[in-house]
Amino acid sequence: MTSPLETWPATARRLDAFDWPALAASLERDGAAILGGLLTPGECRALAALHDEGGLFRSRVVMARHGFGRGEYKYFANPLPPLVAGLRAALYPRLVPVANLWNERLGLDDRYPATLDEYLARCHAAGQAKPTPLLLRYGPGDYNCLHQDLYGECVFPLQATVLLSDPRVDFTGGDFILATQRPRMQSRADVAPLSLGDAVIFAVRHRPVEGSRGYYRVNTRHGVGTVRSGERRTLGLIFHDAA
């Protein structure tokens, strides 16, 4: 029987069923968009189980040691598991039009190439060659402080998180939080309602918002609220590599 981790071509094709113009509109309006049921329960379980296979990872971070929160995460080493690599490569070109439009509206010169391989070559040429996809694990009392996933000069402006645990069964609390800071205004926090296998796409560090005098920059951060019980696991897909 084929492992769920090896079925990434079918999983990637699942992306075709989503209404990408509607998702782009959500990103424009809210800075985030949800892909409901992107992964099957079997794929979620298979990915979550990888957390305990040490040979797959290049780094482990215990968040409390660095003041990042509580819980832990592990960055995958190359080669990435097929499902992780396939999802990352399939999502990237669907997000490029939004990424390029955002940079245009913010007056930034960077434009992103059509494929992930081309973009990663750019990252590697800038000294960012460490893979950034990661698995995160939270237990009771764990949380993730609001932050931005920046690893060098090359930054793709969108990333994705996939919930690998079932909030109806596996854990309580642990909401995914998005915070925005508009100029001279207080921060606003929103919760992305995620179910097992859902992915949320969101802004990495800033996005354009239209005002009375054109577009202006809104800073963004993301985090995870306190897990009250059980265990919460997620997959993080970041498109730029790290230095």
Protein backbone atom coordinates (compact mmCIF):
# COMPACT_ATOMS: atom_id res chain seq x y z
CA MET A 1 0.00 0.00 0.00
CA THR A 2 1.31 3.46 -0.90
CA SER A 3 2.18 5.66 2.07
CA PRO A 4 0.20 8.93 2.39
CA LEU A 5 3.57 10.68 2.28
CA GLU A 6 4.15 9.39 -1.25
CA THR A 7 0.82 10.52 -2.72
CA TRP A 8 1.81 14.15 -3.17
CA PRO A 9 0.97 14.37 -6.92
CA ALA A 10 -2.67 13.59 -6.12
CA THR A 11 -2.53 15.93 -3.14
CA ALA A 12 -1.07 18.70 -5.28
CA ARG A 13 -3.80 18.19 -7.87
CA ARG A 14 -6.31 18.73 -5.07
CA LEU A 15 -5.26 22.36 -5.17
CA ASP A 16 -6.93 22.71 -8.58
CA ALA A 17 -10.35 22.36 -6.96
CA PHE A 18 -9.99 25.55 -4.92
CA ASP A 19 -11.44 28.87 -6.06
CA TRP A 20 -8.17 30.76 -6.41
CA PRO A 21 -9.72 34.11 -7.42
CA ALA A 22 -11.81 33.96 -4.23
CA LEU A 23 -8.74 33.02 -2.18
CA ALA A 24 -6.80 35.93 -3.73
CA ALA A 25 -9.69 38.24 -2.81
CA SER A 26 -9.54 36.96 0.78
CA LEU A 27 -5.80 37.62 0.90
CA GLU A 28 -6.43 41.12 -0.46
CA ARG A 29 -9.17 41.82 2.08
CA ASP A 30 -7.91 40.03 5.19
CA GLY A 31 -4.28 39.11 4.58
CA ALA A 32 -5.22 35.43 5.00
CA ALA A 33 -7.18 32.69 3.22
CA ILE A 34 -8.22 29.18 4.30
CA LEU A 35 -7.97 26.06 2.13
CA GLY A 36 -10.48 23.74 3.76
CA GLY A 37 -9.57 20.04 3.77
CA LEU A 38 -6.31 20.43 1.87
CA LEU A 39 -4.92 17.26 3.48
CA THR A 40 -6.77 14.05 4.32
CA PRO A 41 -6.80 12.68 7.89
CA GLY A 42 -4.39 9.95 6.78
CA GLU A 43 -1.95 12.49 5.36
CA CYS A 44 -2.19 14.54 8.55
CA ARG A 45 -1.46 11.52 10.75
CA ALA A 46 1.49 10.47 8.58
CA LEU A 47 3.03 13.93 8.68
CA ALA A 48 2.47 14.35 12.43
CA ALA A 49 4.18 11.00 13.07
CA LEU A 50 7.36 12.26 11.38
CA HIS A 51 8.04 14.52 14.37
CA ASP A 52 9.61 11.60 16.25
CA GLU A 53 11.88 10.51 13.37
CA GLY A 54 15.05 12.41 14.17
CA GLY A 55 16.95 11.70 10.96
CA LEU A 56 14.56 13.83 8.90
CA PHE A 57 15.41 17.13 10.56
CA ARG A 58 18.27 19.62 10.54
CA SER A 59 17.30 21.51 13.70
CA ARG A 60 15.08 21.29 16.80
CA VAL A 61 13.95 24.43 18.66
CA VAL A 62 12.53 24.36 22.19
CA MET A 63 10.66 27.64 22.24
CA ALA A 64 10.94 28.38 25.98
CA ARG A 65 14.75 28.48 25.71
CA HIS A 66 14.56 31.45 23.34
CA GLY A 67 11.54 33.31 24.70
CA PHE A 68 9.46 32.32 21.70
CA GLY A 69 6.68 30.73 23.77
CA ARG A 70 6.30 27.09 24.83
CA GLY A 71 6.37 23.96 22.71
CA GLU A 72 8.84 22.86 20.08
CA TYR A 73 9.40 22.76 16.36
CA LYS A 74 11.74 20.97 13.98
CA TYR A 75 13.02 22.12 10.60
CA PHE A 76 13.17 19.43 7.94
CA ALA A 77 16.50 18.64 6.31
CA ASN A 78 16.89 18.06 2.58
CA PRO A 79 15.58 16.06 0.90
CA LEU A 80 12.15 17.03 2.16
CA PRO A 81 9.50 14.31 2.50
CA PRO A 82 7.70 14.00 -0.87
CA LEU A 83 4.38 15.32 0.41
CA VAL A 84 6.03 18.38 1.97
CA ALA A 85 8.17 19.11 -1.09
CA GLY A 86 5.25 18.55 -3.45
CA LEU A 87 2.87 20.82 -1.55
CA ARG A 88 5.47 23.57 -1.28
CA ALA A 89 6.24 23.42 -5.01
CA ALA A 90 2.55 23.28 -6.00
CA LEU A 91 1.41 26.11 -3.74
CA TYR A 92 4.17 28.53 -4.69
CA PRO A 93 3.15 29.34 -8.30
CA ARG A 94 -0.46 29.87 -7.23
CA LEU A 95 0.71 32.54 -4.78
CA VAL A 96 3.18 34.31 -7.08
CA PRO A 97 0.53 36.58 -8.72
CA VAL A 98 -0.56 37.88 -5.31
CA ALA A 99 3.04 38.26 -4.13
CA ASN A 100 4.03 40.26 -7.20
CA LEU A 101 0.90 42.43 -6.99
CA TRP A 102 1.61 43.20 -3.34
CA ASN A 103 5.18 44.27 -4.11
CA GLU A 104 3.97 46.46 -6.96
CA ARG A 105 1.45 48.18 -4.71
CA LEU A 106 4.08 48.72 -2.02
CA GLY A 107 6.54 50.18 -4.51
CA LEU A 108 9.01 47.31 -4.07
CA ASP A 109 11.20 46.24 -6.99
CA ASP A 110 11.30 42.48 -6.26
CA ARG A 111 9.30 40.25 -8.59
CA TYR A 112 9.09 36.51 -7.99
CA PRO A 113 9.81 33.88 -10.66
CA ALA A 114 7.18 31.41 -11.83
CA THR A 115 8.52 28.28 -10.12
CA LEU A 116 9.78 27.44 -6.65
CA ASP A 117 13.02 26.01 -8.04
CA GLU A 118 13.83 29.35 -9.64
CA TYR A 119 13.05 31.20 -6.44
CA LEU A 120 15.09 28.85 -4.28
CA ALA A 121 18.04 29.32 -6.64
CA ARG A 122 17.76 33.03 -5.91
CA CYS A 123 17.69 32.32 -2.16
CA HIS A 124 20.73 30.05 -2.39
CA ALA A 125 22.68 32.61 -4.38
CA ALA A 126 22.02 35.05 -1.51
CA GLY A 127 23.40 32.54 1.02
CA GLN A 128 20.00 31.19 2.16
CA ALA A 129 20.26 27.44 1.52
CA LYS A 130 18.74 25.80 4.63
CA PRO A 131 15.22 24.38 4.13
CA THR A 132 12.51 26.06 6.22
CA PRO A 133 9.45 23.71 6.18
CA LEU A 134 8.85 22.58 9.74
CA LEU A 135 6.69 20.56 12.09
CA LEU A 136 5.41 22.16 15.30
CA ARG A 137 4.14 20.42 18.43
CA TYR A 138 2.28 21.98 21.37
CA GLY A 139 1.06 20.37 24.60
CA PRO A 140 -1.02 21.71 27.51
CA GLY A 141 0.07 25.23 28.44
CA ASP A 142 2.10 25.68 25.24
CA TYR A 143 1.77 28.70 22.94
CA ASN A 144 3.67 30.59 20.24
CA CYS A 145 4.35 34.31 20.63
CA LEU A 146 3.45 36.65 17.79
CA HIS A 147 6.33 36.65 15.32
CA GLN A 148 7.47 36.81 11.69
CA ASP A 149 9.37 34.02 9.91
CA LEU A 150 12.28 35.98 8.43
CA TYR A 151 15.57 34.22 7.70
CA GLY A 152 17.55 36.61 5.52
CA GLU A 153 17.21 39.22 2.79
CA CYS A 154 15.11 36.97 0.54
CA VAL A 155 11.53 36.87 1.84
CA PHE A 156 8.55 35.50 -0.05
CA PRO A 157 5.60 37.51 1.31
CA LEU A 158 3.19 34.59 1.87
CA GLN A 159 3.40 31.32 3.79
CA ALA A 160 1.08 28.50 4.86
CA THR A 161 0.30 26.47 7.96
CA VAL A 162 -1.61 23.17 7.89
CA LEU A 163 -3.38 21.85 11.00
CA LEU A 164 -2.47 18.18 11.51
CA SER A 165 -4.58 17.62 14.65
CA ASP A 166 -8.35 17.60 15.12
CA PRO A 167 -9.54 20.42 17.42
CA ARG A 168 -12.73 18.45 18.09
CA VAL A 169 -10.78 15.48 19.47
CA ASP A 170 -7.05 16.08 19.93
CA PHE A 171 -6.79 19.43 21.72
CA THR A 172 -8.60 22.49 23.06
CA GLY A 173 -7.48 26.10 22.82
CA GLY A 174 -4.48 26.68 20.54
CA ASP A 175 -6.17 29.14 18.16
CA PHE A 176 -4.14 30.36 15.20
CA ILE A 177 -3.81 34.14 15.63
CA LEU A 178 -3.06 36.79 13.03
CA ALA A 179 -2.23 40.32 14.19
CA THR A 180 -2.01 43.42 12.01
CA GLN A 181 -0.55 46.82 12.87
CA ARG A 182 -1.70 49.80 10.82
CA PRO A 183 0.27 53.05 11.01
CA ARG A 184 -0.62 55.10 14.11
CA MET A 185 -3.30 52.60 15.13
CA GLN A 186 -3.51 49.84 17.73
CA SER A 187 -2.93 46.23 16.67
CA ARG A 188 -5.85 44.09 15.58
CA ALA A 189 -5.94 40.33 16.22
CA ASP A 190 -8.01 37.79 14.28
CA VAL A 191 -8.41 34.03 14.75
CA ALA A 192 -8.31 31.69 11.73
CA PRO A 193 -10.85 28.89 12.36
CA LEU A 194 -9.05 25.71 11.31
CA SER A 195 -10.20 22.09 11.22
CA LEU A 196 -8.14 18.93 10.68
CA GLY A 197 -6.34 19.15 7.32
CA ASP A 198 -7.12 22.83 6.71
CA ALA A 199 -4.39 25.19 5.56
CA VAL A 200 -4.24 28.92 6.18
CA ILE A 201 -2.24 31.13 3.82
CA PHE A 202 -1.16 34.44 5.33
CA ALA A 203 1.18 37.39 5.03
CA VAL A 204 4.70 36.89 6.37
CA ARG A 205 5.58 40.43 7.48
CA HIS A 206 3.51 43.07 5.65
CA ARG A 207 0.86 43.56 3.01
CA PRO A 208 -0.72 46.49 1.14
CA VAL A 209 -4.01 48.01 2.23
CA GLU A 210 -5.83 50.60 0.16
CA GLY A 211 -6.39 53.98 1.78
CA SER A 212 -7.64 57.36 0.64
CA ARG A 213 -4.21 58.21 -0.81
CA GLY A 214 -3.39 54.85 -2.36
CA TYR A 215 -1.87 51.75 -0.83
CA TYR A 216 0.03 51.73 2.44
CA ARG A 217 1.93 49.04 4.33
CA VAL A 218 0.39 47.06 7.17
CA ASN A 219 2.72 44.98 9.35
CA THR A 220 1.63 41.45 10.23
CA ARG A 221 2.56 38.83 12.81
CA HIS A 222 1.19 35.40 13.66
CA GLY A 223 1.17 33.07 16.63
CA VAL A 224 -0.74 30.37 18.50
CA GLY A 225 -2.89 30.84 21.61
CA THR A 226 -2.42 28.69 24.70
CA VAL A 227 -3.31 25.03 24.29
CA ARG A 228 -5.57 24.14 27.22
CA SER A 229 -5.53 20.35 26.81
CA GLY A 230 -4.27 17.64 24.46
CA GLU A 231 -1.68 18.02 21.72
CA ARG A 232 -1.70 20.31 18.67
CA ARG A 233 0.55 19.59 15.67
CA THR A 234 1.02 21.62 12.51
CA LEU A 235 3.05 21.74 9.32
CA GLY A 236 4.60 25.07 8.36
CA LEU A 237 5.39 25.81 4.72
CA ILE A 238 7.71 28.77 4.23
CA PHE A 239 8.84 29.42 0.67
CA HIS A 240 12.14 31.22 1.28
CA ASP A 241 15.07 29.22 2.64
CA ALA A 242 17.22 30.28 5.59
CA ALA A 243 20.78 31.53 5.92
